[in-house]
């Protein structure tokens, strides 16, 4: 099983768009199961990300990234079975990361507080997965602080 926490895509420069397409092609050959979302993944706009997602069969998840109308942009979590174990992957991104795209006139985003998103979706995962894996596009200290505040019964295993 291969997963990525986010920021697969390159810098917000037209010259790096081709490099990002090549990286997506090569990453697809490895066979990643799940990707969290990082702020760089929207550098070329949502339409480009959706194109790469469709073309290469990528599975992006995010429990707290919304469009300008308040709709989640991705499934909040997904499952992958490996070795008879059903893993649930949920992803959050810190609101401190500003999402700026090359198509800024067309894209609007909102980022919910990570802990609120997790508090909402983790109960939904209970009983449907054996192991819950958090992919957090956040500073390590912020992740530790959030998990400490959530307590040992948070439902997150890894």
N, C-alpha and C. Protein backbone atom coordinates (compact mmCIF):
# COMPACT_ATOMS: atom_id res chain seq x y z
N UNK A 1 0.85 -1.17 0.00
CA UNK A 1 0.00 0.00 0.00
C UNK A 1 0.90 1.24 0.00
N UNK A 2 0.55 2.19 -0.85
CA UNK A 2 1.34 3.41 -0.96
C UNK A 2 0.40 4.61 -0.85
N UNK A 3 0.74 5.53 0.06
CA UNK A 3 -0.07 6.73 0.27
C UNK A 3 0.81 7.96 0.28
N UNK A 4 0.19 9.11 0.08
CA UNK A 4 0.92 10.39 0.08
C UNK A 4 0.10 11.40 0.84
N UNK A 5 0.74 12.18 1.70
CA UNK A 5 0.04 13.15 2.53
C UNK A 5 -0.35 14.43 1.83
N UNK A 6 0.17 14.67 0.64
CA UNK A 6 -0.20 15.88 -0.09
C UNK A 6 0.99 16.63 -0.63
N UNK A 7 0.70 17.61 -1.47
CA UNK A 7 1.70 18.43 -2.16
C UNK A 7 2.49 17.64 -3.19
N UNK A 8 1.78 16.82 -3.94
CA UNK A 8 2.39 16.10 -5.05
C UNK A 8 2.75 17.06 -6.18
N UNK A 9 1.92 18.07 -6.40
CA UNK A 9 2.11 18.96 -7.53
C UNK A 9 3.21 19.99 -7.27
N UNK A 10 3.76 20.53 -8.36
CA UNK A 10 4.89 21.46 -8.28
C UNK A 10 4.50 22.90 -7.98
N UNK A 11 5.51 23.75 -8.08
CA UNK A 11 5.33 25.17 -7.79
C UNK A 11 4.37 25.82 -8.78
N UNK A 12 3.83 26.94 -8.38
CA UNK A 12 2.83 27.65 -9.16
C UNK A 12 3.49 28.47 -10.27
N UNK A 13 4.05 27.73 -11.24
CA UNK A 13 4.69 28.36 -12.40
C UNK A 13 4.29 27.56 -13.63
N UNK A 14 3.99 28.25 -14.68
CA UNK A 14 3.61 27.57 -15.92
C UNK A 14 4.72 26.63 -16.38
N UNK A 15 5.98 27.02 -16.16
CA UNK A 15 7.11 26.20 -16.60
C UNK A 15 7.16 24.86 -15.86
N UNK A 16 6.58 24.78 -14.68
CA UNK A 16 6.62 23.54 -13.90
C UNK A 16 5.39 22.66 -14.12
N UNK A 17 4.43 23.15 -14.87
CA UNK A 17 3.22 22.38 -15.13
C UNK A 17 3.55 21.06 -15.86
N UNK A 18 4.42 21.12 -16.86
CA UNK A 18 4.81 19.90 -17.60
C UNK A 18 5.55 18.94 -16.68
N UNK A 19 6.40 19.47 -15.81
CA UNK A 19 7.10 18.61 -14.85
C UNK A 19 6.10 17.91 -13.93
N UNK A 20 5.07 18.64 -13.54
CA UNK A 20 4.05 18.06 -12.68
C UNK A 20 3.28 16.97 -13.42
N UNK A 21 2.97 17.20 -14.68
CA UNK A 21 2.30 16.16 -15.47
C UNK A 21 3.17 14.91 -15.57
N UNK A 22 4.47 15.10 -15.78
CA UNK A 22 5.40 13.97 -15.84
C UNK A 22 5.44 13.25 -14.49
N UNK A 23 5.50 14.02 -13.41
CA UNK A 23 5.52 13.44 -12.07
C UNK A 23 4.25 12.62 -11.82
N UNK A 24 3.12 13.14 -12.26
CA UNK A 24 1.85 12.40 -12.10
C UNK A 24 1.90 11.09 -12.88
N UNK A 25 2.43 11.14 -14.09
CA UNK A 25 2.53 9.93 -14.91
C UNK A 25 3.40 8.88 -14.22
N UNK A 26 4.53 9.30 -13.71
CA UNK A 26 5.45 8.37 -13.05
C UNK A 26 4.87 7.87 -11.71
N UNK A 27 4.21 8.77 -10.98
CA UNK A 27 3.59 8.39 -9.71
C UNK A 27 2.51 7.34 -9.95
N UNK A 28 1.77 7.50 -11.03
CA UNK A 28 0.72 6.52 -11.36
C UNK A 28 1.31 5.13 -11.60
N UNK A 29 2.50 5.07 -12.16
CA UNK A 29 3.14 3.78 -12.41
C UNK A 29 3.48 3.06 -11.10
N UNK A 30 3.75 3.82 -10.06
CA UNK A 30 4.06 3.24 -8.75
C UNK A 30 2.81 2.62 -8.14
N UNK A 31 1.65 3.23 -8.43
CA UNK A 31 0.39 2.66 -7.95
C UNK A 31 -0.03 3.15 -6.58
N UNK A 32 0.00 4.44 -6.38
CA UNK A 32 -0.45 5.00 -5.10
C UNK A 32 -1.93 4.68 -4.88
N UNK A 33 -2.28 4.41 -3.63
CA UNK A 33 -3.65 4.08 -3.28
C UNK A 33 -4.47 5.31 -2.89
N UNK A 34 -3.84 6.24 -2.17
CA UNK A 34 -4.55 7.41 -1.64
C UNK A 34 -3.61 8.60 -1.58
N UNK A 35 -4.17 9.78 -1.84
CA UNK A 35 -3.45 11.04 -1.69
C UNK A 35 -4.27 11.97 -0.79
N UNK A 36 -3.61 12.57 0.19
CA UNK A 36 -4.21 13.69 0.90
C UNK A 36 -4.03 14.92 0.01
N UNK A 37 -4.62 16.01 0.39
CA UNK A 37 -4.51 17.25 -0.39
C UNK A 37 -3.61 18.22 0.35
N UNK A 38 -2.66 18.78 -0.39
CA UNK A 38 -1.84 19.87 0.11
C UNK A 38 -2.14 21.11 -0.72
N UNK A 39 -1.73 22.26 -0.22
CA UNK A 39 -2.04 23.51 -0.92
C UNK A 39 -1.43 23.55 -2.32
N UNK A 40 -0.28 22.93 -2.53
CA UNK A 40 0.35 22.92 -3.86
C UNK A 40 -0.46 22.12 -4.87
N UNK A 41 -1.26 21.18 -4.41
CA UNK A 41 -2.01 20.34 -5.33
C UNK A 41 -3.06 21.11 -6.12
N UNK A 42 -3.33 22.32 -5.70
CA UNK A 42 -4.29 23.17 -6.42
C UNK A 42 -3.60 24.33 -7.13
N UNK A 43 -2.27 24.29 -7.21
CA UNK A 43 -1.53 25.39 -7.84
C UNK A 43 -1.98 25.68 -9.26
N UNK A 44 -2.36 24.67 -10.01
CA UNK A 44 -2.74 24.86 -11.41
C UNK A 44 -4.25 24.90 -11.57
N UNK A 45 -4.96 25.00 -10.47
CA UNK A 45 -6.41 25.07 -10.49
C UNK A 45 -7.07 23.72 -10.28
N UNK A 46 -8.32 23.78 -9.88
CA UNK A 46 -9.08 22.57 -9.61
C UNK A 46 -9.29 21.73 -10.86
N UNK A 47 -9.50 22.38 -12.00
CA UNK A 47 -9.73 21.63 -13.24
C UNK A 47 -8.51 20.78 -13.59
N UNK A 48 -7.31 21.31 -13.40
CA UNK A 48 -6.08 20.55 -13.69
C UNK A 48 -5.97 19.36 -12.74
N UNK A 49 -6.24 19.58 -11.46
CA UNK A 49 -6.17 18.49 -10.50
C UNK A 49 -7.16 17.40 -10.87
N UNK A 50 -8.38 17.79 -11.22
CA UNK A 50 -9.39 16.80 -11.63
C UNK A 50 -8.96 16.04 -12.88
N UNK A 51 -8.29 16.75 -13.79
CA UNK A 51 -7.80 16.09 -15.01
C UNK A 51 -6.76 15.03 -14.65
N UNK A 52 -5.82 15.35 -13.77
CA UNK A 52 -4.79 14.39 -13.36
C UNK A 52 -5.43 13.23 -12.58
N UNK A 53 -6.40 13.56 -11.76
CA UNK A 53 -7.11 12.55 -10.97
C UNK A 53 -7.79 11.54 -11.90
N UNK A 54 -8.45 12.05 -12.91
CA UNK A 54 -9.16 11.19 -13.86
C UNK A 54 -8.21 10.42 -14.76
N UNK A 55 -7.23 11.10 -15.30
CA UNK A 55 -6.30 10.49 -16.25
C UNK A 55 -5.49 9.37 -15.61
N UNK A 56 -5.08 9.56 -14.35
CA UNK A 56 -4.18 8.59 -13.72
C UNK A 56 -4.85 7.75 -12.63
N UNK A 57 -6.13 7.94 -12.44
CA UNK A 57 -6.85 7.13 -11.44
C UNK A 57 -6.47 7.43 -10.01
N UNK A 58 -6.04 8.67 -9.75
CA UNK A 58 -5.66 9.05 -8.40
C UNK A 58 -6.89 9.15 -7.50
N UNK A 59 -6.69 8.87 -6.22
CA UNK A 59 -7.76 8.92 -5.24
C UNK A 59 -7.38 9.97 -4.19
N UNK A 60 -7.85 11.21 -4.40
CA UNK A 60 -7.60 12.30 -3.46
C UNK A 60 -8.71 12.33 -2.42
N UNK A 61 -8.34 12.60 -1.15
CA UNK A 61 -9.32 12.76 -0.09
C UNK A 61 -9.01 14.01 0.72
N UNK A 62 -10.06 14.64 1.21
CA UNK A 62 -9.89 15.78 2.12
C UNK A 62 -11.19 16.00 2.87
N UNK A 63 -11.09 15.99 4.18
CA UNK A 63 -12.28 16.14 5.03
C UNK A 63 -12.59 17.59 5.34
N UNK A 64 -11.72 18.53 4.93
CA UNK A 64 -11.99 19.92 5.33
C UNK A 64 -11.74 20.96 4.24
N UNK A 65 -11.59 20.55 3.00
CA UNK A 65 -11.40 21.51 1.91
C UNK A 65 -12.69 21.63 1.13
N UNK A 66 -13.19 22.85 1.05
CA UNK A 66 -14.47 23.12 0.39
C UNK A 66 -14.32 24.13 -0.73
N UNK A 67 -15.30 24.12 -1.63
CA UNK A 67 -15.32 25.14 -2.68
C UNK A 67 -15.97 26.40 -2.11
N UNK A 68 -16.07 27.43 -2.91
CA UNK A 68 -16.62 28.71 -2.46
C UNK A 68 -18.08 28.63 -2.04
N UNK A 69 -18.77 27.57 -2.45
CA UNK A 69 -20.18 27.38 -2.06
C UNK A 69 -20.34 26.51 -0.83
N UNK A 70 -19.22 26.09 -0.23
CA UNK A 70 -19.27 25.28 0.98
C UNK A 70 -19.35 23.78 0.76
N UNK A 71 -19.22 23.32 -0.48
CA UNK A 71 -19.30 21.89 -0.78
C UNK A 71 -17.90 21.26 -0.69
N UNK A 72 -17.81 20.09 -0.03
CA UNK A 72 -16.52 19.39 0.01
C UNK A 72 -16.06 19.11 -1.41
N UNK A 73 -14.77 19.33 -1.66
CA UNK A 73 -14.22 19.12 -3.00
C UNK A 73 -13.88 17.66 -3.27
N UNK A 74 -13.65 16.90 -2.21
CA UNK A 74 -13.24 15.50 -2.34
C UNK A 74 -13.99 14.68 -1.31
N UNK A 75 -13.97 13.38 -1.49
CA UNK A 75 -14.50 12.51 -0.44
C UNK A 75 -13.67 12.77 0.82
N UNK A 76 -14.29 12.78 1.99
CA UNK A 76 -13.53 13.06 3.21
C UNK A 76 -12.60 11.92 3.61
N UNK A 77 -12.98 10.69 3.23
CA UNK A 77 -12.16 9.53 3.58
C UNK A 77 -12.44 8.41 2.60
N UNK A 78 -11.52 7.44 2.61
CA UNK A 78 -11.67 6.29 1.73
C UNK A 78 -11.09 5.06 2.42
N UNK A 79 -11.39 3.90 1.87
CA UNK A 79 -10.85 2.67 2.44
C UNK A 79 -9.98 1.95 1.42
N UNK A 80 -8.99 1.26 1.94
CA UNK A 80 -8.11 0.41 1.14
C UNK A 80 -7.89 -0.86 1.95
N UNK A 81 -8.14 -2.00 1.32
CA UNK A 81 -7.92 -3.27 2.01
C UNK A 81 -6.57 -3.84 1.62
N UNK A 82 -5.83 -4.29 2.61
CA UNK A 82 -4.52 -4.87 2.37
C UNK A 82 -4.27 -5.94 3.43
N UNK A 83 -3.92 -7.13 2.98
CA UNK A 83 -3.62 -8.23 3.90
C UNK A 83 -4.79 -8.58 4.80
N UNK A 84 -5.99 -8.40 4.31
CA UNK A 84 -7.17 -8.71 5.11
C UNK A 84 -7.55 -7.64 6.11
N UNK A 85 -6.83 -6.52 6.10
CA UNK A 85 -7.11 -5.41 7.01
C UNK A 85 -7.70 -4.26 6.19
N UNK A 86 -8.79 -3.69 6.68
CA UNK A 86 -9.42 -2.57 5.99
C UNK A 86 -8.94 -1.27 6.64
N UNK A 87 -8.14 -0.52 5.88
CA UNK A 87 -7.61 0.75 6.34
C UNK A 87 -8.51 1.88 5.87
N UNK A 88 -8.77 2.82 6.76
CA UNK A 88 -9.52 4.02 6.41
C UNK A 88 -8.57 5.20 6.43
N UNK A 89 -8.54 5.94 5.34
CA UNK A 89 -7.66 7.12 5.23
C UNK A 89 -8.51 8.37 5.22
N UNK A 90 -8.16 9.30 6.11
CA UNK A 90 -8.84 10.59 6.18
C UNK A 90 -7.76 11.66 6.13
N UNK A 91 -8.05 12.76 5.46
CA UNK A 91 -7.05 13.80 5.25
C UNK A 91 -7.59 15.16 5.66
N UNK A 92 -6.72 15.96 6.28
CA UNK A 92 -7.05 17.35 6.59
C UNK A 92 -5.87 18.24 6.23
N UNK A 93 -6.18 19.48 5.97
CA UNK A 93 -5.17 20.49 5.68
C UNK A 93 -5.36 21.65 6.65
N UNK A 94 -4.27 22.25 7.08
CA UNK A 94 -4.35 23.37 8.03
C UNK A 94 -4.87 24.62 7.33
N UNK A 95 -5.77 25.35 7.98
CA UNK A 95 -6.28 26.60 7.40
C UNK A 95 -5.19 27.65 7.18
N UNK A 96 -4.07 27.51 7.86
CA UNK A 96 -2.99 28.49 7.71
C UNK A 96 -2.37 28.46 6.31
N UNK A 97 -2.58 27.36 5.58
CA UNK A 97 -2.03 27.25 4.23
C UNK A 97 -3.01 27.89 3.25
N UNK A 98 -2.61 28.99 2.69
CA UNK A 98 -3.46 29.68 1.72
C UNK A 98 -3.38 28.96 0.38
N UNK A 99 -4.52 28.76 -0.21
CA UNK A 99 -4.56 28.12 -1.52
C UNK A 99 -4.70 29.20 -2.57
N UNK A 100 -3.66 29.35 -3.35
CA UNK A 100 -3.63 30.33 -4.43
C UNK A 100 -3.35 29.54 -5.70
N UNK A 101 -4.18 29.73 -6.70
CA UNK A 101 -4.03 28.96 -7.93
C UNK A 101 -3.67 29.88 -9.08
N UNK A 102 -3.25 29.28 -10.16
CA UNK A 102 -2.98 30.04 -11.38
C UNK A 102 -4.30 30.43 -12.06
N UNK A 103 -5.40 29.89 -11.56
CA UNK A 103 -6.73 30.20 -12.09
C UNK A 103 -7.55 30.88 -10.99
N UNK A 104 -6.89 31.73 -10.22
CA UNK A 104 -7.51 32.32 -9.03
C UNK A 104 -8.84 33.00 -9.31
N UNK A 105 -9.05 33.52 -10.50
CA UNK A 105 -10.31 34.18 -10.80
C UNK A 105 -11.47 33.19 -10.84
N UNK A 106 -11.17 31.92 -11.04
CA UNK A 106 -12.21 30.91 -11.18
C UNK A 106 -12.37 30.01 -9.96
N UNK A 107 -11.39 29.96 -9.10
CA UNK A 107 -11.40 29.02 -7.98
C UNK A 107 -11.52 29.75 -6.65
N UNK A 108 -12.43 29.28 -5.82
CA UNK A 108 -12.55 29.77 -4.46
C UNK A 108 -12.55 28.57 -3.53
N UNK A 109 -11.84 28.70 -2.42
CA UNK A 109 -11.73 27.59 -1.49
C UNK A 109 -11.93 28.06 -0.06
N UNK A 110 -12.39 27.16 0.77
CA UNK A 110 -12.49 27.40 2.21
C UNK A 110 -11.96 26.16 2.90
N UNK A 111 -11.27 26.37 4.01
CA UNK A 111 -10.71 25.26 4.77
C UNK A 111 -11.31 25.27 6.17
N UNK A 112 -12.05 24.21 6.51
CA UNK A 112 -12.62 24.07 7.84
C UNK A 112 -11.51 23.75 8.83
N UNK A 113 -11.79 23.99 10.10
CA UNK A 113 -10.84 23.62 11.14
C UNK A 113 -10.66 22.10 11.10
N UNK A 114 -9.41 21.61 11.08
CA UNK A 114 -9.14 20.18 10.98
C UNK A 114 -9.82 19.35 12.07
N UNK A 115 -9.74 19.78 13.32
CA UNK A 115 -10.32 18.98 14.40
C UNK A 115 -11.84 18.87 14.25
N UNK A 116 -12.49 19.94 13.84
CA UNK A 116 -13.94 19.90 13.65
C UNK A 116 -14.30 18.91 12.55
N UNK A 117 -13.52 18.91 11.47
CA UNK A 117 -13.77 17.97 10.37
C UNK A 117 -13.58 16.54 10.84
N UNK A 118 -12.52 16.30 11.60
CA UNK A 118 -12.26 14.95 12.11
C UNK A 118 -13.35 14.52 13.08
N UNK A 119 -13.76 15.43 13.96
CA UNK A 119 -14.84 15.11 14.90
C UNK A 119 -16.11 14.73 14.16
N UNK A 120 -16.32 15.32 13.01
CA UNK A 120 -17.52 15.04 12.22
C UNK A 120 -17.44 13.69 11.49
N UNK A 121 -16.29 13.40 10.87
CA UNK A 121 -16.20 12.22 10.00
C UNK A 121 -15.67 10.96 10.67
N UNK A 122 -14.92 11.07 11.75
CA UNK A 122 -14.40 9.86 12.39
C UNK A 122 -15.50 8.92 12.88
N UNK A 123 -16.58 9.41 13.47
CA UNK A 123 -17.65 8.48 13.88
C UNK A 123 -18.25 7.72 12.70
N UNK A 124 -18.29 8.36 11.55
CA UNK A 124 -18.80 7.73 10.33
C UNK A 124 -17.94 6.53 9.92
N UNK A 125 -16.65 6.60 10.24
CA UNK A 125 -15.71 5.54 9.86
C UNK A 125 -15.77 4.33 10.79
N UNK A 126 -16.21 4.56 12.02
CA UNK A 126 -16.24 3.48 13.01
C UNK A 126 -17.08 2.32 12.52
N UNK A 127 -16.54 1.12 12.69
CA UNK A 127 -17.24 -0.08 12.28
C UNK A 127 -17.10 -0.40 10.80
N UNK A 128 -16.59 0.56 10.02
CA UNK A 128 -16.42 0.34 8.58
C UNK A 128 -14.97 0.04 8.21
N UNK A 129 -14.05 0.36 9.13
CA UNK A 129 -12.63 0.12 8.89
C UNK A 129 -12.01 -0.49 10.14
N UNK A 130 -10.87 -1.15 9.94
CA UNK A 130 -10.14 -1.73 11.07
C UNK A 130 -9.12 -0.77 11.65
N UNK A 131 -8.51 0.05 10.78
CA UNK A 131 -7.46 0.97 11.18
C UNK A 131 -7.72 2.32 10.51
N UNK A 132 -7.66 3.40 11.29
CA UNK A 132 -7.84 4.75 10.76
C UNK A 132 -6.47 5.42 10.66
N UNK A 133 -6.16 5.90 9.45
CA UNK A 133 -4.89 6.58 9.19
C UNK A 133 -5.19 8.04 8.86
N UNK A 134 -4.55 8.94 9.58
CA UNK A 134 -4.70 10.37 9.35
C UNK A 134 -3.57 10.87 8.46
N UNK A 135 -3.93 11.50 7.35
CA UNK A 135 -2.98 12.20 6.50
C UNK A 135 -3.20 13.69 6.77
N UNK A 136 -2.24 14.33 7.44
CA UNK A 136 -2.43 15.72 7.88
C UNK A 136 -1.40 16.63 7.21
N UNK A 137 -1.87 17.55 6.43
CA UNK A 137 -1.02 18.56 5.82
C UNK A 137 -0.99 19.75 6.79
N UNK A 138 -0.21 19.53 7.86
CA UNK A 138 -0.12 20.48 8.96
C UNK A 138 1.28 20.38 9.57
N UNK A 139 1.74 21.45 10.24
CA UNK A 139 3.00 21.33 10.97
C UNK A 139 2.87 20.23 12.04
N UNK A 140 3.96 19.52 12.28
CA UNK A 140 3.95 18.42 13.25
C UNK A 140 3.46 18.84 14.62
N UNK A 141 3.88 20.02 15.07
CA UNK A 141 3.46 20.49 16.39
C UNK A 141 1.94 20.69 16.43
N UNK A 142 1.36 21.18 15.35
CA UNK A 142 -0.09 21.39 15.30
C UNK A 142 -0.83 20.05 15.31
N UNK A 143 -0.28 19.05 14.64
CA UNK A 143 -0.89 17.72 14.65
C UNK A 143 -0.87 17.16 16.06
N UNK A 144 0.29 17.25 16.72
CA UNK A 144 0.40 16.75 18.10
C UNK A 144 -0.59 17.46 19.02
N UNK A 145 -0.68 18.77 18.88
CA UNK A 145 -1.59 19.56 19.72
C UNK A 145 -3.05 19.14 19.47
N UNK A 146 -3.42 18.97 18.22
CA UNK A 146 -4.77 18.57 17.87
C UNK A 146 -5.09 17.18 18.42
N UNK A 147 -4.19 16.23 18.22
CA UNK A 147 -4.43 14.86 18.69
C UNK A 147 -4.49 14.80 20.21
N UNK A 148 -3.68 15.60 20.88
CA UNK A 148 -3.72 15.66 22.34
C UNK A 148 -5.07 16.20 22.80
N UNK A 149 -5.55 17.24 22.13
CA UNK A 149 -6.85 17.83 22.48
C UNK A 149 -7.98 16.82 22.22
N UNK A 150 -7.85 16.00 21.20
CA UNK A 150 -8.88 15.01 20.86
C UNK A 150 -8.88 13.85 21.85
N UNK A 151 -7.74 13.58 22.45
CA UNK A 151 -7.65 12.53 23.46
C UNK A 151 -7.44 11.16 22.88
N UNK A 152 -7.15 10.19 23.75
CA UNK A 152 -6.82 8.83 23.29
C UNK A 152 -7.97 8.10 22.61
N UNK A 153 -9.20 8.51 22.79
CA UNK A 153 -10.32 7.85 22.16
C UNK A 153 -10.75 8.51 20.85
N UNK A 154 -9.82 9.22 20.21
CA UNK A 154 -10.16 9.99 19.00
C UNK A 154 -10.60 9.10 17.85
N UNK A 155 -10.11 7.87 17.83
CA UNK A 155 -10.41 6.97 16.72
C UNK A 155 -9.33 6.91 15.67
N UNK A 156 -8.28 7.72 15.83
CA UNK A 156 -7.17 7.71 14.89
C UNK A 156 -6.11 6.72 15.41
N UNK A 157 -5.72 5.81 14.55
CA UNK A 157 -4.75 4.79 14.95
C UNK A 157 -3.33 5.14 14.50
N UNK A 158 -3.22 5.73 13.30
CA UNK A 158 -1.90 6.06 12.76
C UNK A 158 -1.94 7.47 12.22
